[in-house]
Amino acid sequence: MAKKSSKLKKAQQKAKAAAQKTNQKINELGKYTSSLYTSLTTIQSLFDRIRNVPEKNMLKYEKLKTIRVNWKQQAEKIELEYKKAEVKATGQGVAGVGAGVAVAALGPTAAMGIATTFGAASTGTAISALSGAAFTNAALAWLGGGALATGGGGMAAGSAFLALAGPVGWTIAGVSIVASGLMFFKTNSDKERLENTYTLISNRDIKSYELAIVELSKRITRIIDESEKLREAIVKIETFGTDYTKMTEAQQYELGAYVNLMEASTALLVNPILGLQPKYSEQDFDKLCASESELYRRYFRTHKTMIISMANLLYKIKLDDKDKKLLAKSLKKNKDFLSSVQMAKREFDAADISMIERALNYRANCQTKCNGLSKNTSYGVS
């Protein structure tokens, strides 16, 4: 048993370290997106001074400006809500703003990194399962391991946090799940099976974090490159004058190229980091409901929060019937978990996990059809 417990603890520690490194990279991303936003604002101000610009070009300028403004407002909101939560957490004696993570305090650049990581809600590329307040809470939960978003609730970070899980939430909160769940098992074999399930989840999340770190690094490299191009463009545009009709044809063409540059750079601000998106989204849930009979549809809609949360927990995790029973027994003993998925102890059992299996299989089958693949799919395949 000691060996198996050590294996689980090691996996959780490694997952936590990967989460910390990811947060550090998000913070680094924020510094570069802040600089990129400044360059985009500067070049936009130069475009705003140019008269007699063709209407279709002006519409594009304005659209890009609106997207950036919404992104900036989102970053400011995250920072503001973080500070509010920090005050609340301090008043309730919660240990540290970034308890368990690398980002100890959230400033404007870190908020910008988070806004970019999770996508701007106004662009259609946002986290599919979250918007508005739910988005903000999830971003805060990412940094504080759930502590800030709930004033010290730990696992009880709410449905917004859990909907973001995969890989965000469950790894950070996994210690509390295991600690409260394993004590109820009398036999070593049952404990070992359950520990193995949690180890699989942690190892899966480690891989997700590692891939996300690579993606974040590539995004930073691209932002550095685009920022340099924008700085060069700013110098050139200042020599063009302020009347579009008096510019040479070459200058007008070059101005159009700079608009394309602005569009590509704006995308680097607002497009989310794909590796940190939910593996099971609200759109996946809606497709599932649309495909089901009225009986199943009623069940899924009644337990929407649980379905999305647990689907993110169990994607790529294969469980047999015994594993499902043990996991259900573990989770139903956890009051924080039940509260977060809005279910009572008497409501949750292994049958619910089988319904998660149904949801994940439907999603996998949909993906197979969309990708034109013919291979067989099975429970937990993402």
Protein backbone atom coordinates (compact mmCIF):
# COMPACT_ATOMS: atom_id res chain seq x y z
CA MET A 1 0.00 0.00 0.00
CA ALA A 2 2.75 2.42 0.89
CA LYS A 3 4.21 2.09 -2.58
CA LYS A 4 0.87 2.78 -4.28
CA SER A 5 0.12 5.74 -2.00
CA SER A 6 3.55 7.12 -2.77
CA LYS A 7 2.81 6.78 -6.47
CA LEU A 8 -0.41 8.77 -6.11
CA LYS A 9 1.24 11.44 -3.99
CA LYS A 10 4.08 11.73 -6.48
CA ALA A 11 1.65 12.13 -9.39
CA GLN A 12 -0.29 14.81 -7.54
CA GLN A 13 2.86 16.70 -6.64
CA LYS A 14 4.02 16.56 -10.24
CA ALA A 15 0.63 17.78 -11.46
CA LYS A 16 0.71 20.64 -8.98
CA ALA A 17 4.21 21.59 -10.14
CA ALA A 18 3.04 21.53 -13.76
CA ALA A 19 0.12 23.77 -12.83
CA GLN A 20 2.50 26.20 -11.14
CA LYS A 21 4.74 26.29 -14.19
CA THR A 22 1.70 26.87 -16.38
CA ASN A 23 0.66 29.81 -14.21
CA GLN A 24 4.15 31.24 -14.45
CA LYS A 25 3.96 30.99 -18.23
CA ILE A 26 0.53 32.65 -18.23
CA ASN A 27 1.99 35.47 -16.17
CA GLU A 28 4.83 35.79 -18.70
CA LEU A 29 2.30 35.80 -21.53
CA GLY A 30 0.57 38.73 -19.84
CA LYS A 31 3.70 40.86 -20.00
CA TYR A 32 3.95 40.37 -23.76
CA THR A 33 0.23 40.77 -24.45
CA SER A 34 0.36 44.05 -22.51
CA SER A 35 3.08 45.30 -24.83
CA LEU A 36 1.20 44.01 -27.88
CA TYR A 37 -1.97 45.77 -26.78
CA THR A 38 -0.05 49.04 -26.40
CA SER A 39 1.36 48.74 -29.93
CA LEU A 40 -2.06 47.92 -31.36
CA THR A 41 -3.60 50.90 -29.57
CA THR A 42 -0.89 53.18 -30.96
CA ILE A 43 -1.30 52.01 -34.54
CA GLN A 44 -5.08 52.22 -34.19
CA SER A 45 -4.79 55.87 -33.11
CA LEU A 46 -2.81 56.57 -36.28
CA PHE A 47 -5.53 54.97 -38.40
CA ASP A 48 -8.17 57.01 -36.58
CA ARG A 49 -6.51 60.22 -37.76
CA ILE A 50 -6.63 59.26 -41.42
CA ARG A 51 -9.51 60.88 -43.35
CA ASN A 52 -11.46 59.59 -46.36
CA VAL A 53 -10.75 55.93 -45.68
CA PRO A 54 -13.02 53.61 -47.75
CA GLU A 55 -16.04 52.50 -45.71
CA LYS A 56 -15.27 48.77 -45.86
CA ASN A 57 -11.78 49.42 -44.49
CA MET A 58 -13.15 51.66 -41.75
CA LEU A 59 -15.61 48.99 -40.67
CA LYS A 60 -12.74 46.54 -40.30
CA TYR A 61 -10.76 49.04 -38.22
CA GLU A 62 -13.70 49.57 -35.92
CA LYS A 63 -14.39 45.87 -35.55
CA LEU A 64 -10.81 45.17 -34.49
CA LYS A 65 -10.91 48.09 -32.07
CA THR A 66 -14.10 46.76 -30.46
CA ILE A 67 -12.60 43.29 -30.02
CA ARG A 68 -9.52 44.74 -28.30
CA VAL A 69 -11.56 47.02 -26.07
CA ASN A 70 -13.69 44.09 -24.92
CA TRP A 71 -10.56 42.05 -24.23
CA LYS A 72 -9.05 44.89 -22.19
CA GLN A 73 -12.27 45.30 -20.22
CA GLN A 74 -12.26 41.58 -19.51
CA ALA A 75 -8.69 41.72 -18.20
CA GLU A 76 -9.58 44.70 -16.00
CA LYS A 77 -12.61 42.85 -14.64
CA ILE A 78 -10.51 39.81 -13.75
CA GLU A 79 -8.03 42.01 -11.91
CA LEU A 80 -10.83 43.86 -10.07
CA GLU A 81 -12.64 40.70 -9.03
CA TYR A 82 -9.36 39.17 -7.91
CA LYS A 83 -8.71 42.13 -5.62
CA LYS A 84 -12.23 41.88 -4.20
CA ALA A 85 -11.75 38.18 -3.56
CA GLU A 86 -8.35 38.85 -2.00
CA VAL A 87 -9.92 41.23 0.51
CA LYS A 88 -12.66 38.71 1.28
CA ALA A 89 -10.16 35.87 1.66
CA THR A 90 -7.97 37.94 3.97
CA GLY A 91 -10.97 38.80 6.12
CA GLN A 92 -11.84 35.13 6.44
CA GLY A 93 -8.30 34.09 7.23
CA VAL A 94 -7.61 32.23 3.99
CA ALA A 95 -3.92 31.47 3.65
CA GLY A 96 -2.51 33.38 0.72
CA VAL A 97 -4.07 34.72 -2.43
CA GLY A 98 -2.41 32.20 -4.68
CA ALA A 99 -2.44 29.31 -2.24
CA GLY A 100 -0.68 26.39 -3.85
CA VAL A 101 0.18 28.18 -7.08
CA ALA A 102 3.06 30.23 -8.35
CA VAL A 103 1.27 33.52 -8.95
CA ALA A 104 1.23 35.17 -5.54
CA ALA A 105 -0.45 38.40 -6.60
CA LEU A 106 -2.42 39.44 -9.64
CA GLY A 107 -1.57 42.68 -11.43
CA PRO A 108 -2.66 44.09 -14.79
CA THR A 109 -0.22 42.06 -16.89
CA ALA A 110 -1.14 38.77 -15.21
CA ALA A 111 -4.81 39.58 -15.77
CA MET A 112 -4.04 40.17 -19.44
CA GLY A 113 -2.33 36.80 -19.61
CA ILE A 114 -5.40 35.12 -18.16
CA ALA A 115 -7.73 37.00 -20.51
CA THR A 116 -5.68 35.77 -23.47
CA THR A 117 -5.34 32.23 -22.13
CA PHE A 118 -9.09 31.81 -21.77
CA GLY A 119 -10.17 33.93 -24.74
CA ALA A 120 -12.26 37.07 -25.02
CA ALA A 121 -15.94 36.43 -24.41
CA SER A 122 -17.05 38.78 -27.18
CA THR A 123 -15.15 37.07 -29.98
CA GLY A 124 -16.88 33.72 -30.09
CA THR A 125 -13.59 32.00 -29.25
CA ALA A 126 -14.10 32.12 -25.50
CA ILE A 127 -14.21 29.13 -23.21
CA SER A 128 -17.28 27.42 -24.54
CA ALA A 129 -18.65 26.44 -21.15
CA LEU A 130 -18.17 29.80 -19.47
CA SER A 131 -19.09 33.44 -19.87
CA GLY A 132 -19.50 36.54 -17.78
CA ALA A 133 -19.22 36.01 -14.04
CA ALA A 134 -18.61 32.29 -14.50
CA PHE A 135 -15.59 33.10 -16.65
CA THR A 136 -14.17 35.46 -14.05
CA ASN A 137 -14.71 33.00 -11.22
CA ALA A 138 -13.02 30.25 -13.20
CA ALA A 139 -10.03 32.47 -13.91
CA LEU A 140 -9.73 33.30 -10.23
CA ALA A 141 -10.10 29.65 -9.30
CA TRP A 142 -7.24 28.83 -11.66
CA LEU A 143 -4.93 31.12 -9.72
CA GLY A 144 -6.15 30.33 -6.24
CA GLY A 145 -6.95 26.66 -6.50
CA GLY A 146 -10.56 27.53 -5.76
CA ALA A 147 -9.80 29.26 -2.46
CA LEU A 148 -10.37 32.81 -3.61
CA ALA A 149 -13.45 32.31 -5.72
CA THR A 150 -15.32 30.92 -2.76
CA GLY A 151 -13.66 32.64 0.17
CA GLY A 152 -11.77 29.53 1.18
CA GLY A 153 -14.02 26.77 -0.07
CA GLY A 154 -11.27 24.65 -1.58
CA MET A 155 -13.03 22.01 -3.67
CA ALA A 156 -16.30 23.92 -3.43
CA ALA A 157 -15.21 26.35 -6.09
CA GLY A 158 -18.59 26.16 -7.73
CA SER A 159 -19.84 24.86 -11.03
CA ALA A 160 -17.95 27.52 -12.98
CA PHE A 161 -14.63 26.26 -11.66
CA LEU A 162 -15.48 22.63 -12.23
CA ALA A 163 -16.75 23.32 -15.72
CA LEU A 164 -13.31 24.68 -16.47
CA ALA A 165 -11.67 21.53 -15.15
CA GLY A 166 -9.83 19.40 -17.64
CA PRO A 167 -7.11 20.09 -16.95
CA VAL A 168 -7.55 23.09 -14.69
CA GLY A 169 -9.46 22.31 -11.55
CA TRP A 170 -9.47 18.73 -10.45
CA THR A 171 -5.73 18.25 -10.20
CA ILE A 172 -5.32 21.20 -7.86
CA ALA A 173 -8.28 20.12 -5.77
CA GLY A 174 -7.59 16.39 -6.04
CA VAL A 175 -5.84 16.13 -2.70
CA SER A 176 -9.00 17.06 -0.83
CA ILE A 177 -11.06 14.57 -2.83
CA VAL A 178 -8.73 11.69 -2.05
CA ALA A 179 -8.19 12.66 1.57
CA SER A 180 -11.90 12.73 2.27
CA GLY A 181 -12.71 9.69 0.14
CA LEU A 182 -10.14 7.04 0.94
CA MET A 183 -10.78 7.00 4.65
CA PHE A 184 -14.16 5.36 4.05
CA PHE A 185 -12.67 2.25 2.50
CA LYS A 186 -11.84 -0.65 4.80
CA THR A 187 -10.03 -2.94 2.38
CA ASN A 188 -6.63 -2.21 0.89
CA SER A 189 -7.74 -3.51 -2.51
CA ASP A 190 -10.54 -0.94 -2.73
CA LYS A 191 -8.25 1.86 -1.64
CA GLU A 192 -5.66 0.77 -4.18
CA ARG A 193 -8.17 0.76 -7.03
CA LEU A 194 -9.44 4.21 -6.12
CA GLU A 195 -5.93 5.58 -5.72
CA ASN A 196 -5.12 4.20 -9.15
CA THR A 197 -8.06 6.10 -10.62
CA TYR A 198 -6.88 9.37 -9.11
CA THR A 199 -3.33 8.64 -10.26
CA LEU A 200 -4.56 8.20 -13.82
CA ILE A 201 -6.37 11.54 -13.60
CA SER A 202 -3.27 13.31 -12.30
CA ASN A 203 -1.01 11.78 -14.96
CA ARG A 204 -3.46 12.75 -17.69
CA ASP A 205 -3.51 16.31 -16.42
CA ILE A 206 0.28 16.48 -16.27
CA LYS A 207 0.39 15.77 -20.00
CA SER A 208 -2.25 18.45 -20.63
CA TYR A 209 -0.28 21.02 -18.67
CA GLU A 210 2.94 20.15 -20.46
CA LEU A 211 1.29 20.57 -23.85
CA ALA A 212 -0.26 23.86 -22.73
CA ILE A 213 3.16 25.15 -21.65
CA VAL A 214 4.50 24.43 -25.15
CA GLU A 215 1.51 26.24 -26.66
CA LEU A 216 1.96 29.22 -24.35
CA SER A 217 5.64 29.43 -25.27
CA LYS A 218 4.83 29.42 -28.98
CA ARG A 219 2.21 32.13 -28.46
CA ILE A 220 4.76 34.31 -26.68
CA THR A 221 7.25 33.87 -29.53
CA ARG A 222 4.63 34.89 -32.07
CA ILE A 223 3.63 37.92 -30.02
CA ILE A 224 7.24 39.09 -29.84
CA ASP A 225 7.51 38.80 -33.62
CA GLU A 226 4.20 40.59 -34.29
CA SER A 227 5.05 43.37 -31.84
CA GLU A 228 8.24 44.13 -33.72
CA LYS A 229 6.34 44.29 -37.03
CA LEU A 230 3.80 46.64 -35.48
CA ARG A 231 6.51 48.96 -34.22
CA GLU A 232 7.97 49.12 -37.73
CA ALA A 233 4.50 49.77 -39.16
CA ILE A 234 3.90 52.63 -36.73
CA VAL A 235 7.03 54.39 -37.95
CA LYS A 236 5.99 53.97 -41.59
CA ILE A 237 2.36 55.09 -41.16
CA GLU A 238 3.46 58.32 -39.52
CA THR A 239 5.06 59.30 -42.85
CA PHE A 240 1.91 58.67 -44.95
CA GLY A 241 -0.02 61.79 -43.98
CA THR A 242 -3.64 61.88 -42.78
CA ASP A 243 -5.61 61.93 -46.09
CA TYR A 244 -6.16 58.52 -47.65
CA THR A 245 -6.99 60.02 -51.08
CA LYS A 246 -3.65 61.83 -51.21
CA MET A 247 -1.61 58.74 -50.47
CA THR A 248 0.19 56.95 -53.28
CA GLU A 249 -1.24 53.66 -54.48
CA ALA A 250 1.73 51.90 -52.89
CA GLN A 251 1.02 53.57 -49.54
CA GLN A 252 -2.66 52.63 -49.72
CA TYR A 253 -1.70 49.04 -50.45
CA GLU A 254 0.79 49.06 -47.60
CA LEU A 255 -1.87 50.47 -45.28
CA GLY A 256 -4.11 47.53 -46.20
CA ALA A 257 -1.27 45.14 -45.35
CA TYR A 258 -0.99 46.80 -41.94
CA VAL A 259 -4.69 46.22 -41.32
CA ASN A 260 -4.08 42.52 -41.94
CA LEU A 261 -1.18 42.71 -39.51
CA MET A 262 -3.47 44.30 -36.91
CA GLU A 263 -6.02 41.54 -37.44
CA ALA A 264 -3.43 38.79 -36.95
CA SER A 265 -2.02 40.53 -33.88
CA THR A 266 -5.46 41.01 -32.37
CA ALA A 267 -6.09 37.28 -32.77
CA LEU A 268 -2.99 36.63 -30.63
CA LEU A 269 -4.64 38.66 -27.88
CA VAL A 270 -8.07 37.08 -27.89
CA ASN A 271 -7.73 33.53 -29.20
CA PRO A 272 -7.61 31.09 -26.27
CA ILE A 273 -4.87 28.61 -25.50
CA LEU A 274 -6.48 25.44 -26.80
CA GLY A 275 -4.70 23.11 -24.40
CA LEU A 276 -6.41 24.79 -21.45
CA GLN A 277 -9.95 24.63 -22.79
CA PRO A 278 -12.52 22.28 -21.25
CA LYS A 279 -12.48 18.83 -22.75
CA TYR A 280 -16.26 18.66 -22.41
CA SER A 281 -18.06 21.91 -23.13
CA GLU A 282 -21.56 23.26 -22.83
CA GLN A 283 -21.88 22.87 -26.60
CA ASP A 284 -21.06 19.18 -26.21
CA PHE A 285 -23.77 18.99 -23.57
CA ASP A 286 -26.34 20.69 -25.80
CA LYS A 287 -25.61 18.28 -28.66
CA LEU A 288 -26.02 15.37 -26.28
CA CYS A 289 -29.42 16.59 -25.09
CA ALA A 290 -30.60 17.17 -28.65
CA SER A 291 -29.79 13.57 -29.54
CA GLU A 292 -31.47 11.90 -26.57
CA SER A 293 -34.99 10.70 -25.85
CA GLU A 294 -37.15 12.83 -23.57
CA LEU A 295 -36.40 10.61 -20.57
CA TYR A 296 -32.63 10.90 -20.91
CA ARG A 297 -32.84 14.55 -21.89
CA ARG A 298 -34.73 15.32 -18.68
CA TYR A 299 -32.06 13.57 -16.62
CA PHE A 300 -29.17 15.35 -18.31
CA ARG A 301 -30.74 18.77 -18.05
CA THR A 302 -31.57 18.23 -14.38
CA HIS A 303 -27.94 17.33 -13.68
CA LYS A 304 -26.18 19.62 -16.16
CA THR A 305 -23.53 20.88 -13.75
CA MET A 306 -22.63 17.38 -12.65
CA ILE A 307 -22.48 16.07 -16.23
CA ILE A 308 -20.12 18.78 -17.48
CA SER A 309 -17.94 18.66 -14.36
CA MET A 310 -17.61 14.89 -14.23
CA ALA A 311 -17.12 14.57 -17.99
CA ASN A 312 -14.12 16.87 -17.65
CA LEU A 313 -12.87 14.82 -14.71
CA LEU A 314 -13.17 11.46 -16.47
CA TYR A 315 -12.27 12.14 -20.09
CA LYS A 316 -9.64 9.62 -21.23
CA ILE A 317 -10.09 7.69 -17.97
CA LYS A 318 -11.31 4.11 -18.46
CA LEU A 319 -13.25 2.60 -15.56
CA ASP A 320 -14.83 -0.80 -15.11
CA ASP A 321 -17.98 -1.34 -13.03
CA LYS A 322 -16.02 -1.85 -9.81
CA ASP A 323 -14.07 1.38 -10.37
CA LYS A 324 -17.30 3.30 -10.96
CA LYS A 325 -18.81 2.07 -7.72
CA LEU A 326 -15.71 2.96 -5.71
CA LEU A 327 -15.42 6.39 -7.29
CA ALA A 328 -19.09 7.10 -6.69
CA LYS A 329 -18.77 5.99 -3.07
CA SER A 330 -15.76 8.26 -2.64
CA LEU A 331 -17.37 11.31 -4.20
CA LYS A 332 -20.72 11.01 -2.46
CA LYS A 333 -18.88 11.17 0.86
CA ASN A 334 -17.40 14.52 -0.16
CA LYS A 335 -19.74 17.35 0.82
CA ASP A 336 -17.74 19.92 -1.13
CA PHE A 337 -18.03 17.86 -4.29
CA LEU A 338 -21.78 17.34 -3.88
CA SER A 339 -22.28 21.04 -3.25
CA SER A 340 -20.25 21.99 -6.33
CA VAL A 341 -22.29 19.74 -8.63
CA GLN A 342 -25.56 20.67 -6.94
CA MET A 343 -26.55 17.16 -5.87
CA ALA A 344 -27.53 15.55 -2.58
CA LYS A 345 -25.76 12.50 -1.15
CA ARG A 346 -28.77 10.29 -1.77
CA GLU A 347 -28.87 11.34 -5.45
CA PHE A 348 -25.34 10.42 -6.51
CA ASP A 349 -24.22 6.84 -7.23
CA ALA A 350 -22.47 4.63 -9.79
CA ALA A 351 -25.41 4.98 -12.20
CA ASP A 352 -24.58 8.66 -12.55
CA ILE A 353 -21.04 7.78 -13.56
CA SER A 354 -22.50 5.45 -16.20
CA MET A 355 -24.43 8.45 -17.52
CA ILE A 356 -21.14 10.34 -17.73
CA GLU A 357 -19.86 7.42 -19.77
CA ARG A 358 -22.83 7.84 -22.09
CA ALA A 359 -22.12 11.56 -22.48
CA LEU A 360 -18.43 11.01 -23.23
CA ASN A 361 -19.11 8.22 -25.70
CA TYR A 362 -21.58 10.39 -27.58
CA ARG A 363 -19.02 13.18 -27.80
CA ALA A 364 -16.33 10.75 -28.98
CA ASN A 365 -18.64 9.34 -31.65
CA CYS A 366 -19.49 12.85 -32.84
CA GLN A 367 -15.81 13.70 -33.11
CA THR A 368 -15.15 10.51 -35.04
CA LYS A 369 -17.87 11.38 -37.55
CA CYS A 370 -16.68 14.97 -37.84
CA ASN A 371 -13.12 13.84 -38.48
CA GLY A 372 -14.21 11.24 -41.00
CA LEU A 373 -12.63 8.44 -39.01
CA SER A 374 -13.79 4.85 -38.91
CA LYS A 375 -12.01 3.59 -35.81
CA ASN A 376 -14.00 2.36 -32.83
CA THR A 377 -14.52 4.70 -29.91
CA SER A 378 -14.84 3.85 -26.26
CA TYR A 379 -15.59 5.49 -22.93
CA GLY A 380 -13.31 8.34 -22.05
CA VAL A 381 -11.79 8.85 -25.50
CA SER A 382 -11.52 12.57 -26.15
